[in-house]
Amino acid sequence: MPNIPAGAKKPSDRLKAEAENAGSELTFEFKGHSITVLPFLDWERHALAHINTLDLDKWAECAIHPDSVAEFKGISCTMREGLSFVRECAEAAGADLGELGASLQS
């Protein structure tokens, strides 16, 4: 897991996280699976739009490492669990989801 301070909400926290993880793929545990996520600046430009439309599979195709996409899609989860995972990945990668991020709070 990336070294993100608990409750990192300020832009400076996100910038620090982005600097510490710059250019690095991040691996997260999700429901017993290791999922590798690309650095935020390597996400395809439609990734955030897919979060906005709650299409987690399409988001995965844009933001998760190609070797982990099929595994992520095969995980059975609720929307709350999936969106919480997306928020965690985005924040750790240095993305500021703004109002969208606030709506993903579990």
PDB file of N, CA and C in Angstrom:
ATOM      1  N   MET A   1       0.840  -1.179   0.000  1.00  0.00           N
ATOM      2  CA  MET A   1       0.000   0.000   0.000  1.00  0.00           C
ATOM      3  C   MET A   1       0.883   1.240   0.000  1.00  0.00           C
ATOM      4  N   PRO A   2       0.437   2.264  -0.692  1.00  0.00           N
ATOM      5  CA  PRO A   2       1.193   3.506  -0.666  1.00  0.00           C
ATOM      6  C   PRO A   2       1.142   4.141   0.707  1.00  0.00           C
ATOM      7  N   ASN A   3       2.106   4.983   0.984  1.00  0.00           N
ATOM      8  CA  ASN A   3       2.203   5.628   2.284  1.00  0.00           C
ATOM      9  C   ASN A   3       1.419   6.928   2.269  1.00  0.00           C
ATOM     10  N   ILE A   4       0.078   6.820   2.436  1.00  0.00           N
ATOM     11  CA  ILE A   4      -0.795   7.985   2.458  1.00  0.00           C
ATOM     12  C   ILE A   4      -1.265   8.186   3.886  1.00  0.00           C
ATOM     13  N   PRO A   5      -1.092   9.394   4.432  1.00  0.00           N
ATOM     14  CA  PRO A   5      -1.559   9.622   5.794  1.00  0.00           C
ATOM     15  C   PRO A   5      -3.067   9.410   5.887  1.00  0.00           C
ATOM     16  N   ALA A   6      -3.504   8.816   6.981  1.00  0.00           N
ATOM     17  CA  ALA A   6      -4.942   8.609   7.192  1.00  0.00           C
ATOM     18  C   ALA A   6      -5.643   9.957   7.128  1.00  0.00           C
ATOM     19  N   GLY A   7      -6.723  10.007   6.384  1.00  0.00           N
ATOM     20  CA  GLY A   7      -7.497  11.235   6.289  1.00  0.00           C
ATOM     21  C   GLY A   7      -6.846  12.324   5.451  1.00  0.00           C
ATOM     22  N   ALA A   8      -5.975  11.951   4.519  1.00  0.00           N
ATOM     23  CA  ALA A   8      -5.310  12.940   3.672  1.00  0.00           C
ATOM     24  C   ALA A   8      -6.342  13.628   2.798  1.00  0.00           C
ATOM     25  N   LYS A   9      -6.733  14.832   3.176  1.00  0.00           N
ATOM     26  CA  LYS A   9      -7.784  15.540   2.467  1.00  0.00           C
ATOM     27  C   LYS A   9      -7.294  16.826   1.821  1.00  0.00           C
ATOM     28  N   LYS A  10      -6.245  17.406   2.354  1.00  0.00           N
ATOM     29  CA  LYS A  10      -5.761  18.684   1.846  1.00  0.00           C
ATOM     30  C   LYS A  10      -5.006  18.478   0.530  1.00  0.00           C
ATOM     31  N   PRO A  11      -5.057  19.478  -0.358  1.00  0.00           N
ATOM     32  CA  PRO A  11      -4.289  19.361  -1.601  1.00  0.00           C
ATOM     33  C   PRO A  11      -2.812  19.079  -1.348  1.00  0.00           C
ATOM     34  N   SER A  12      -2.251  19.650  -0.291  1.00  0.00           N
ATOM     35  CA  SER A  12      -0.833  19.411  -0.012  1.00  0.00           C
ATOM     36  C   SER A  12      -0.575  17.944   0.309  1.00  0.00           C
ATOM     37  N   ASP A  13      -1.526  17.276   0.967  1.00  0.00           N
ATOM     38  CA  ASP A  13      -1.386  15.846   1.250  1.00  0.00           C
ATOM     39  C   ASP A  13      -1.366  15.049  -0.052  1.00  0.00           C
ATOM     40  N   ARG A  14      -2.257  15.430  -0.976  1.00  0.00           N
ATOM     41  CA  ARG A  14      -2.325  14.722  -2.257  1.00  0.00           C
ATOM     42  C   ARG A  14      -1.058  14.961  -3.077  1.00  0.00           C
ATOM     43  N   LEU A  15      -0.560  16.213  -3.063  1.00  0.00           N
ATOM     44  CA  LEU A  15       0.661  16.507  -3.797  1.00  0.00           C
ATOM     45  C   LEU A  15       1.835  15.716  -3.237  1.00  0.00           C
ATOM     46  N   LYS A  16       1.880  15.618  -1.916  1.00  0.00           N
ATOM     47  CA  LYS A  16       2.941  14.836  -1.293  1.00  0.00           C
ATOM     48  C   LYS A  16       2.827  13.378  -1.708  1.00  0.00           C
ATOM     49  N   ALA A  17       1.608  12.842  -1.686  1.00  0.00           N
ATOM     50  CA  ALA A  17       1.388  11.451  -2.098  1.00  0.00           C
ATOM     51  C   ALA A  17       1.794  11.254  -3.550  1.00  0.00           C
ATOM     52  N   GLU A  18       1.412  12.207  -4.393  1.00  0.00           N
ATOM     53  CA  GLU A  18       1.752  12.096  -5.811  1.00  0.00           C
ATOM     54  C   GLU A  18       3.270  12.116  -5.997  1.00  0.00           C
ATOM     55  N   ALA A  19       3.963  12.983  -5.267  1.00  0.00           N
ATOM     56  CA  ALA A  19       5.418  13.065  -5.386  1.00  0.00           C
ATOM     57  C   ALA A  19       6.080  11.779  -4.914  1.00  0.00           C
ATOM     58  N   GLU A  20       5.583  11.222  -3.825  1.00  0.00           N
ATOM     59  CA  GLU A  20       6.162   9.993  -3.289  1.00  0.00           C
ATOM     60  C   GLU A  20       5.919   8.803  -4.213  1.00  0.00           C
ATOM     61  N   ASN A  21       4.802   8.820  -4.933  1.00  0.00           N
ATOM     62  CA  ASN A  21       4.433   7.697  -5.784  1.00  0.00           C
ATOM     63  C   ASN A  21       4.583   8.017  -7.273  1.00  0.00           C
ATOM     64  N   ALA A  22       5.246   9.131  -7.593  1.00  0.00           N
ATOM     65  CA  ALA A  22       5.324   9.597  -8.976  1.00  0.00           C
ATOM     66  C   ALA A  22       5.860   8.512  -9.900  1.00  0.00           C
ATOM     67  N   GLY A  23       5.089   8.268 -10.948  1.00  0.00           N
ATOM     68  CA  GLY A  23       5.529   7.310 -11.956  1.00  0.00           C
ATOM     69  C   GLY A  23       5.492   5.873 -11.514  1.00  0.00           C
ATOM     70  N   SER A  24       5.000   5.622 -10.321  1.00  0.00           N
ATOM     71  CA  SER A  24       4.995   4.259  -9.797  1.00  0.00           C
ATOM     72  C   SER A  24       3.614   3.648  -9.920  1.00  0.00           C
ATOM     73  N   GLU A  25       3.600   2.408 -10.327  1.00  0.00           N
ATOM     74  CA  GLU A  25       2.346   1.662 -10.267  1.00  0.00           C
ATOM     75  C   GLU A  25       2.105   1.340  -8.800  1.00  0.00           C
ATOM     76  N   LEU A  26       0.844   1.362  -8.407  1.00  0.00           N
ATOM     77  CA  LEU A  26       0.478   1.127  -7.021  1.00  0.00           C
ATOM     78  C   LEU A  26      -0.309  -0.169  -6.932  1.00  0.00           C
ATOM     79  N   THR A  27       0.019  -0.993  -5.958  1.00  0.00           N
ATOM     80  CA  THR A  27      -0.697  -2.255  -5.787  1.00  0.00           C
ATOM     81  C   THR A  27      -1.548  -2.170  -4.534  1.00  0.00           C
ATOM     82  N   PHE A  28      -2.824  -2.523  -4.698  1.00  0.00           N
ATOM     83  CA  PHE A  28      -3.794  -2.480  -3.614  1.00  0.00           C
ATOM     84  C   PHE A  28      -4.385  -3.861  -3.406  1.00  0.00           C
ATOM     85  N   GLU A  29      -4.722  -4.151  -2.172  1.00  0.00           N
ATOM     86  CA  GLU A  29      -5.477  -5.369  -1.868  1.00  0.00           C
ATOM     87  C   GLU A  29      -6.953  -5.010  -1.932  1.00  0.00           C
ATOM     88  N   PHE A  30      -7.704  -5.791  -2.697  1.00  0.00           N
ATOM     89  CA  PHE A  30      -9.140  -5.568  -2.793  1.00  0.00           C
ATOM     90  C   PHE A  30      -9.839  -6.914  -2.754  1.00  0.00           C
ATOM     91  N   LYS A  31     -10.523  -7.148  -1.648  1.00  0.00           N
ATOM     92  CA  LYS A  31     -11.284  -8.379  -1.465  1.00  0.00           C
ATOM     93  C   LYS A  31     -10.430  -9.626  -1.713  1.00  0.00           C
ATOM     94  N   GLY A  32      -9.205  -9.589  -1.172  1.00  0.00           N
ATOM     95  CA  GLY A  32      -8.314 -10.740  -1.265  1.00  0.00           C
ATOM     96  C   GLY A  32      -7.518 -10.839  -2.555  1.00  0.00           C
ATOM     97  N   HIS A  33      -7.583  -9.827  -3.409  1.00  0.00           N
ATOM     98  CA  HIS A  33      -6.868  -9.818  -4.680  1.00  0.00           C
ATOM     99  C   HIS A  33      -5.900  -8.640  -4.701  1.00  0.00           C
ATOM    100  N   SER A  34      -4.726  -8.853  -5.295  1.00  0.00           N
ATOM    101  CA  SER A  34      -3.769  -7.759  -5.495  1.00  0.00           C
ATOM    102  C   SER A  34      -4.044  -7.136  -6.853  1.00  0.00           C
ATOM    103  N   ILE A  35      -4.396  -5.855  -6.842  1.00  0.00           N
ATOM    104  CA  ILE A  35      -4.734  -5.126  -8.058  1.00  0.00           C
ATOM    105  C   ILE A  35      -3.727  -4.000  -8.252  1.00  0.00           C
ATOM    106  N   THR A  36      -3.109  -3.950  -9.412  1.00  0.00           N
ATOM    107  CA  THR A  36      -2.119  -2.924  -9.714  1.00  0.00           C
ATOM    108  C   THR A  36      -2.772  -1.808 -10.515  1.00  0.00           C
ATOM    109  N   VAL A  37      -2.605  -0.581 -10.006  1.00  0.00           N
ATOM    110  CA  VAL A  37      -3.204   0.603 -10.622  1.00  0.00           C
ATOM    111  C   VAL A  37      -2.081   1.468 -11.201  1.00  0.00           C
ATOM    112  N   LEU A  38      -2.355   2.027 -12.356  1.00  0.00           N
ATOM    113  CA  LEU A  38      -1.382   2.903 -13.018  1.00  0.00           C
ATOM    114  C   LEU A  38      -1.264   4.234 -12.281  1.00  0.00           C
ATOM    115  N   PRO A  39      -0.138   4.936 -12.435  1.00  0.00           N
ATOM    116  CA  PRO A  39      -0.031   6.294 -11.888  1.00  0.00           C
ATOM    117  C   PRO A  39      -1.119   7.166 -12.517  1.00  0.00           C
ATOM    118  N   PHE A  40      -1.646   8.122 -11.777  1.00  0.00           N
ATOM    119  CA  PHE A  40      -2.772   8.926 -12.238  1.00  0.00           C
ATOM    120  C   PHE A  40      -2.536   9.557 -13.608  1.00  0.00           C
ATOM    121  N   LEU A  41      -1.359  10.088 -13.845  1.00  0.00           N
ATOM    122  CA  LEU A  41      -1.099  10.754 -15.125  1.00  0.00           C
ATOM    123  C   LEU A  41      -1.044   9.772 -16.296  1.00  0.00           C
ATOM    124  N   ASP A  42      -1.028   8.487 -16.007  1.00  0.00           N
ATOM    125  CA  ASP A  42      -1.063   7.462 -17.053  1.00  0.00           C
ATOM    126  C   ASP A  42      -2.468   6.905 -17.272  1.00  0.00           C
ATOM    127  N   TRP A  43      -3.431   7.352 -16.463  1.00  0.00           N
ATOM    128  CA  TRP A  43      -4.818   6.931 -16.685  1.00  0.00           C
ATOM    129  C   TRP A  43      -5.276   7.513 -18.012  1.00  0.00           C
ATOM    130  N   GLU A  44      -6.097   6.762 -18.735  1.00  0.00           N
ATOM    131  CA  GLU A  44      -6.674   7.294 -19.964  1.00  0.00           C
ATOM    132  C   GLU A  44      -7.601   8.446 -19.601  1.00  0.00           C
ATOM    133  N   ARG A  45      -7.763   9.370 -20.517  1.00  0.00           N
ATOM    134  CA  ARG A  45      -8.480  10.611 -20.208  1.00  0.00           C
ATOM    135  C   ARG A  45      -9.942  10.394 -19.849  1.00  0.00           C
ATOM    136  N   HIS A  46     -10.533   9.277 -20.192  1.00  0.00           N
ATOM    137  CA  HIS A  46     -11.939   9.026 -19.882  1.00  0.00           C
ATOM    138  C   HIS A  46     -12.143   8.375 -18.511  1.00  0.00           C
ATOM    139  N   ALA A  47     -11.071   8.103 -17.802  1.00  0.00           N
ATOM    140  CA  ALA A  47     -11.188   7.380 -16.525  1.00  0.00           C
ATOM    141  C   ALA A  47     -12.125   8.089 -15.551  1.00  0.00           C
ATOM    142  N   LEU A  48     -11.983   9.390 -15.394  1.00  0.00           N
ATOM    143  CA  LEU A  48     -12.820  10.115 -14.443  1.00  0.00           C
ATOM    144  C   LEU A  48     -14.276  10.169 -14.905  1.00  0.00           C
ATOM    145  N   ALA A  49     -14.496  10.234 -16.202  1.00  0.00           N
ATOM    146  CA  ALA A  49     -15.872  10.207 -16.713  1.00  0.00           C
ATOM    147  C   ALA A  49     -16.537   8.877 -16.375  1.00  0.00           C
ATOM    148  N   HIS A  50     -15.784   7.806 -16.415  1.00  0.00           N
ATOM    149  CA  HIS A  50     -16.348   6.491 -16.079  1.00  0.00           C
ATOM    150  C   HIS A  50     -16.667   6.396 -14.591  1.00  0.00           C
ATOM    151  N   ILE A  51     -15.883   7.065 -13.750  1.00  0.00           N
ATOM    152  CA  ILE A  51     -16.224   7.116 -12.326  1.00  0.00           C
ATOM    153  C   ILE A  51     -17.543   7.875 -12.166  1.00  0.00           C
ATOM    154  N   ASN A  52     -17.660   8.984 -12.871  1.00  0.00           N
ATOM    155  CA  ASN A  52     -18.857   9.816 -12.773  1.00  0.00           C
ATOM    156  C   ASN A  52     -20.121   9.062 -13.185  1.00  0.00           C
ATOM    157  N   THR A  53     -20.004   8.154 -14.146  1.00  0.00           N
ATOM    158  CA  THR A  53     -21.165   7.379 -14.590  1.00  0.00           C
ATOM    159  C   THR A  53     -21.272   6.041 -13.852  1.00  0.00           C
ATOM    160  N   LEU A  54     -20.411   5.846 -12.854  1.00  0.00           N
ATOM    161  CA  LEU A  54     -20.401   4.647 -12.007  1.00  0.00           C
ATOM    162  C   LEU A  54     -20.118   3.370 -12.785  1.00  0.00           C
ATOM    163  N   ASP A  55     -19.366   3.479 -13.880  1.00  0.00           N
ATOM    164  CA  ASP A  55     -18.993   2.315 -14.679  1.00  0.00           C
ATOM    165  C   ASP A  55     -17.602   1.849 -14.254  1.00  0.00           C
ATOM    166  N   LEU A  56     -17.573   0.999 -13.242  1.00  0.00           N
ATOM    167  CA  LEU A  56     -16.301   0.566 -12.663  1.00  0.00           C
ATOM    168  C   LEU A  56     -15.483  -0.293 -13.626  1.00  0.00           C
ATOM    169  N   ASP A  57     -16.149  -1.082 -14.460  1.00  0.00           N
ATOM    170  CA  ASP A  57     -15.410  -1.902 -15.419  1.00  0.00           C
ATOM    171  C   ASP A  57     -14.694  -1.036 -16.450  1.00  0.00           C
ATOM    172  N   LYS A  58     -15.366  -0.004 -16.936  1.00  0.00           N
ATOM    173  CA  LYS A  58     -14.728   0.902 -17.900  1.00  0.00           C
ATOM    174  C   LYS A  58     -13.613   1.701 -17.226  1.00  0.00           C
ATOM    175  N   TRP A  59     -13.832   2.106 -15.960  1.00  0.00           N
ATOM    176  CA  TRP A  59     -12.773   2.798 -15.223  1.00  0.00           C
ATOM    177  C   TRP A  59     -11.547   1.897 -15.143  1.00  0.00           C
ATOM    178  N   ALA A  60     -11.783   0.618 -14.835  1.00  0.00           N
ATOM    179  CA  ALA A  60     -10.674  -0.334 -14.706  1.00  0.00           C
ATOM    180  C   ALA A  60      -9.859  -0.408 -15.995  1.00  0.00           C
ATOM    181  N   GLU A  61     -10.547  -0.399 -17.117  1.00  0.00           N
ATOM    182  CA  GLU A  61      -9.844  -0.464 -18.398  1.00  0.00           C
ATOM    183  C   GLU A  61      -8.968   0.761 -18.640  1.00  0.00           C
ATOM    184  N   CYS A  62      -9.286   1.859 -18.006  1.00  0.00           N
ATOM    185  CA  CYS A  62      -8.546   3.114 -18.183  1.00  0.00           C
ATOM    186  C   CYS A  62      -7.470   3.350 -17.128  1.00  0.00           C
ATOM    187  N   ALA A  63      -7.609   2.744 -15.943  1.00  0.00           N
ATOM    188  CA  ALA A  63      -6.740   3.108 -14.820  1.00  0.00           C
ATOM    189  C   ALA A  63      -5.971   1.948 -14.202  1.00  0.00           C
ATOM    190  N   ILE A  64      -6.420   0.749 -14.422  1.00  0.00           N
ATOM    191  CA  ILE A  64      -5.751  -0.414 -13.824  1.00  0.00           C
ATOM    192  C   ILE A  64      -4.768  -1.006 -14.833  1.00  0.00           C
ATOM    193  N   HIS A  65      -3.663  -1.504 -14.316  1.00  0.00           N
ATOM    194  CA  HIS A  65      -2.653  -2.134 -15.170  1.00  0.00           C
ATOM    195  C   HIS A  65      -3.315  -3.251 -15.978  1.00  0.00           C
ATOM    196  N   PRO A  66      -2.979  -3.369 -17.262  1.00  0.00           N
ATOM    197  CA  PRO A  66      -3.625  -4.386 -18.101  1.00  0.00           C
ATOM    198  C   PRO A  66      -3.580  -5.801 -17.532  1.00  0.00           C
ATOM    199  N   ASP A  67      -2.534  -6.117 -16.780  1.00  0.00           N
ATOM    200  CA  ASP A  67      -2.440  -7.456 -16.193  1.00  0.00           C
ATOM    201  C   ASP A  67      -3.434  -7.680 -15.054  1.00  0.00           C
ATOM    202  N   SER A  68      -4.037  -6.597 -14.522  1.00  0.00           N
ATOM    203  CA  SER A  68      -4.963  -6.717 -13.389  1.00  0.00           C
ATOM    204  C   SER A  68      -6.424  -6.450 -13.762  1.00  0.00           C
ATOM    205  N   VAL A  69      -6.686  -5.990 -14.985  1.00  0.00           N
ATOM    206  CA  VAL A  69      -8.053  -5.607 -15.357  1.00  0.00           C
ATOM    207  C   VAL A  69      -9.014  -6.791 -15.248  1.00  0.00           C
ATOM    208  N   ALA A  70      -8.680  -7.920 -15.848  1.00  0.00           N
ATOM    209  CA  ALA A  70      -9.587  -9.080 -15.826  1.00  0.00           C
ATOM    210  C   ALA A  70      -9.828  -9.549 -14.399  1.00  0.00           C
ATOM    211  N   GLU A  71      -8.789  -9.534 -13.581  1.00  0.00           N
ATOM    212  CA  GLU A  71      -8.956  -9.947 -12.183  1.00  0.00           C
ATOM    213  C   GLU A  71      -9.909  -9.003 -11.460  1.00  0.00           C
ATOM    214  N   PHE A  72      -9.742  -7.683 -11.650  1.00  0.00           N
ATOM    215  CA  PHE A  72     -10.636  -6.721 -11.012  1.00  0.00           C
ATOM    216  C   PHE A  72     -12.076  -6.950 -11.463  1.00  0.00           C
ATOM    217  N   LYS A  73     -12.279  -7.127 -12.754  1.00  0.00           N
ATOM    218  CA  LYS A  73     -13.630  -7.319 -13.275  1.00  0.00           C
ATOM    219  C   LYS A  73     -14.277  -8.594 -12.736  1.00  0.00           C
ATOM    220  N   GLY A  74     -13.459  -9.555 -12.353  1.00  0.00           N
ATOM    221  CA  GLY A  74     -13.984 -10.816 -11.837  1.00  0.00           C
ATOM    222  C   GLY A  74     -14.331 -10.798 -10.358  1.00  0.00           C
ATOM    223  N   ILE A  75     -14.020  -9.714  -9.672  1.00  0.00           N
ATOM    224  CA  ILE A  75     -14.285  -9.612  -8.236  1.00  0.00           C
ATOM    225  C   ILE A  75     -15.744  -9.209  -8.019  1.00  0.00           C
ATOM    226  N   SER A  76     -16.438  -9.956  -7.211  1.00  0.00           N
ATOM    227  CA  SER A  76     -17.811  -9.612  -6.859  1.00  0.00           C
ATOM    228  C   SER A  76     -17.772  -8.605  -5.712  1.00  0.00           C
ATOM    229  N   CYS A  77     -18.391  -7.427  -5.950  1.00  0.00           N
ATOM    230  CA  CYS A  77     -18.399  -6.402  -4.918  1.00  0.00           C
ATOM    231  C   CYS A  77     -19.643  -5.538  -5.070  1.00  0.00           C
ATOM    232  N   THR A  78     -19.969  -4.848  -3.998  1.00  0.00           N
ATOM    233  CA  THR A  78     -21.062  -3.881  -4.053  1.00  0.00           C
ATOM    234  C   THR A  78     -20.544  -2.596  -4.695  1.00  0.00           C
ATOM    235  N   MET A  79     -21.463  -1.732  -5.090  1.00  0.00           N
ATOM    236  CA  MET A  79     -21.047  -0.436  -5.626  1.00  0.00           C
ATOM    237  C   MET A  79     -20.278   0.348  -4.565  1.00  0.00           C
ATOM    238  N   ARG A  80     -20.730   0.280  -3.306  1.00  0.00           N
ATOM    239  CA  ARG A  80     -20.046   0.998  -2.222  1.00  0.00           C
ATOM    240  C   ARG A  80     -18.593   0.525  -2.107  1.00  0.00           C
ATOM    241  N   GLU A  81     -18.389  -0.789  -2.128  1.00  0.00           N
ATOM    242  CA  GLU A  81     -17.033  -1.329  -2.021  1.00  0.00           C
ATOM    243  C   GLU A  81     -16.195  -0.926  -3.232  1.00  0.00           C
ATOM    244  N   GLY A  82     -16.776  -1.038  -4.419  1.00  0.00           N
ATOM    245  CA  GLY A  82     -16.044  -0.693  -5.628  1.00  0.00           C
ATOM    246  C   GLY A  82     -15.665   0.772  -5.681  1.00  0.00           C
ATOM    247  N   LEU A  83     -16.609   1.636  -5.333  1.00  0.00           N
ATOM    248  CA  LEU A  83     -16.332   3.075  -5.359  1.00  0.00           C
ATOM    249  C   LEU A  83     -15.350   3.483  -4.271  1.00  0.00           C
ATOM    250  N   SER A  84     -15.389   2.821  -3.136  1.00  0.00           N
ATOM    251  CA  SER A  84     -14.410   3.080  -2.081  1.00  0.00           C
ATOM    252  C   SER A  84     -13.007   2.719  -2.576  1.00  0.00           C
ATOM    253  N   PHE A  85     -12.904   1.590  -3.282  1.00  0.00           N
ATOM    254  CA  PHE A  85     -11.629   1.173  -3.860  1.00  0.00           C
ATOM    255  C   PHE A  85     -11.136   2.202  -4.884  1.00  0.00           C
ATOM    256  N   VAL A  86     -12.033   2.657  -5.750  1.00  0.00           N
ATOM    257  CA  VAL A  86     -11.671   3.668  -6.754  1.00  0.00           C
ATOM    258  C   VAL A  86     -11.164   4.930  -6.068  1.00  0.00           C
ATOM    259  N   ARG A  87     -11.872   5.397  -5.035  1.00  0.00           N
ATOM    260  CA  ARG A  87     -11.456   6.606  -4.320  1.00  0.00           C
ATOM    261  C   ARG A  87     -10.073   6.409  -3.702  1.00  0.00           C
ATOM    262  N   GLU A  88      -9.854   5.267  -3.073  1.00  0.00           N
ATOM    263  CA  GLU A  88      -8.553   4.989  -2.456  1.00  0.00           C
ATOM    264  C   GLU A  88      -7.449   5.019  -3.511  1.00  0.00           C
ATOM    265  N   CYS A  89      -7.691   4.394  -4.646  1.00  0.00           N
ATOM    266  CA  CYS A  89      -6.695   4.369  -5.722  1.00  0.00           C
ATOM    267  C   CYS A  89      -6.414   5.772  -6.243  1.00  0.00           C
ATOM    268  N   ALA A  90      -7.465   6.522  -6.492  1.00  0.00           N
ATOM    269  CA  ALA A  90      -7.308   7.860  -7.048  1.00  0.00           C
ATOM    270  C   ALA A  90      -6.529   8.757  -6.097  1.00  0.00           C
ATOM    271  N   GLU A  91      -6.904   8.746  -4.827  1.00  0.00           N
ATOM    272  CA  GLU A  91      -6.216   9.607  -3.853  1.00  0.00           C
ATOM    273  C   GLU A  91      -4.757   9.200  -3.690  1.00  0.00           C
ATOM    274  N   ALA A  92      -4.482   7.905  -3.664  1.00  0.00           N
ATOM    275  CA  ALA A  92      -3.104   7.439  -3.511  1.00  0.00           C
ATOM    276  C   ALA A  92      -2.262   7.783  -4.731  1.00  0.00           C
ATOM    277  N   ALA A  93      -2.911   7.826  -5.896  1.00  0.00           N
ATOM    278  CA  ALA A  93      -2.196   8.157  -7.126  1.00  0.00           C
ATOM    279  C   ALA A  93      -2.027   9.654  -7.308  1.00  0.00           C
ATOM    280  N   GLY A  94      -2.615  10.457  -6.404  1.00  0.00           N
ATOM    281  CA  GLY A  94      -2.461  11.902  -6.461  1.00  0.00           C
ATOM    282  C   GLY A  94      -3.597  12.619  -7.154  1.00  0.00           C
ATOM    283  N   ALA A  95      -4.665  11.909  -7.497  1.00  0.00           N
ATOM    284  CA  ALA A  95      -5.803  12.548  -8.179  1.00  0.00           C
ATOM    285  C   ALA A  95      -6.661  13.301  -7.177  1.00  0.00           C
ATOM    286  N   ASP A  96      -7.130  14.454  -7.589  1.00  0.00           N
ATOM    287  CA  ASP A  96      -8.081  15.221  -6.790  1.00  0.00           C
ATOM    288  C   ASP A  96      -9.440  15.048  -7.449  1.00  0.00           C
ATOM    289  N   LEU A  97     -10.315  14.276  -6.832  1.00  0.00           N
ATOM    290  CA  LEU A  97     -11.620  14.008  -7.416  1.00  0.00           C
ATOM    291  C   LEU A  97     -12.630  15.104  -7.126  1.00  0.00           C
ATOM    292  N   GLY A  98     -12.260  16.100  -6.342  1.00  0.00           N
ATOM    293  CA  GLY A  98     -13.140  17.232  -6.058  1.00  0.00           C
ATOM    294  C   GLY A  98     -14.483  16.790  -5.524  1.00  0.00           C
ATOM    295  N   GLU A  99     -15.550  17.372  -6.056  1.00  0.00           N
ATOM    296  CA  GLU A  99     -16.902  17.046  -5.611  1.00  0.00           C
ATOM    297  C   GLU A  99     -17.215  15.575  -5.845  1.00  0.00           C
ATOM    298  N   LEU A 100     -16.684  15.023  -6.922  1.00  0.00           N
ATOM    299  CA  LEU A 100     -16.913  13.607  -7.204  1.00  0.00           C
ATOM    300  C   LEU A 100     -16.357  12.764  -6.072  1.00  0.00           C
ATOM    301  N   GLY A 101     -15.169  13.105  -5.591  1.00  0.00           N
ATOM    302  CA  GLY A 101     -14.555  12.360  -4.497  1.00  0.00           C
ATOM    303  C   GLY A 101     -15.397  12.415  -3.242  1.00  0.00           C
ATOM    304  N   ALA A 102     -16.013  13.575  -2.981  1.00  0.00           N
ATOM    305  CA  ALA A 102     -16.861  13.708  -1.807  1.00  0.00           C
ATOM    306  C   ALA A 102     -18.081  12.786  -1.914  1.00  0.00           C
ATOM    307  N   SER A 103     -18.594  12.617  -3.127  1.00  0.00           N
ATOM    308  CA  SER A 103     -19.768  11.754  -3.294  1.00  0.00           C
ATOM    309  C   SER A 103     -19.404  10.280  -3.176  1.00  0.00           C
ATOM    310  N   LEU A 104     -18.118   9.955  -3.230  1.00  0.00           N
ATOM    311  CA  LEU A 104     -17.686   8.558  -3.111  1.00  0.00           C
ATOM    312  C   LEU A 104     -17.385   8.158  -1.678  1.00  0.00           C
ATOM    313  N   GLN A 105     -17.581   9.072  -0.738  1.00  0.00           N
ATOM    314  CA  GLN A 105     -17.316   8.752   0.672  1.00  0.00           C
ATOM    315  C   GLN A 105     -18.237   7.639   1.106  1.00  0.00           C
ATOM    316  N   SER A 106     -17.670   6.645   1.769  1.00  0.00           N
ATOM    317  CA  SER A 106     -18.505   5.530   2.226  1.00  0.00           C
ATOM    318  C   SER A 106     -19.023   5.760   3.613  1.00  0.00           C
TER     319      SER A 106
END
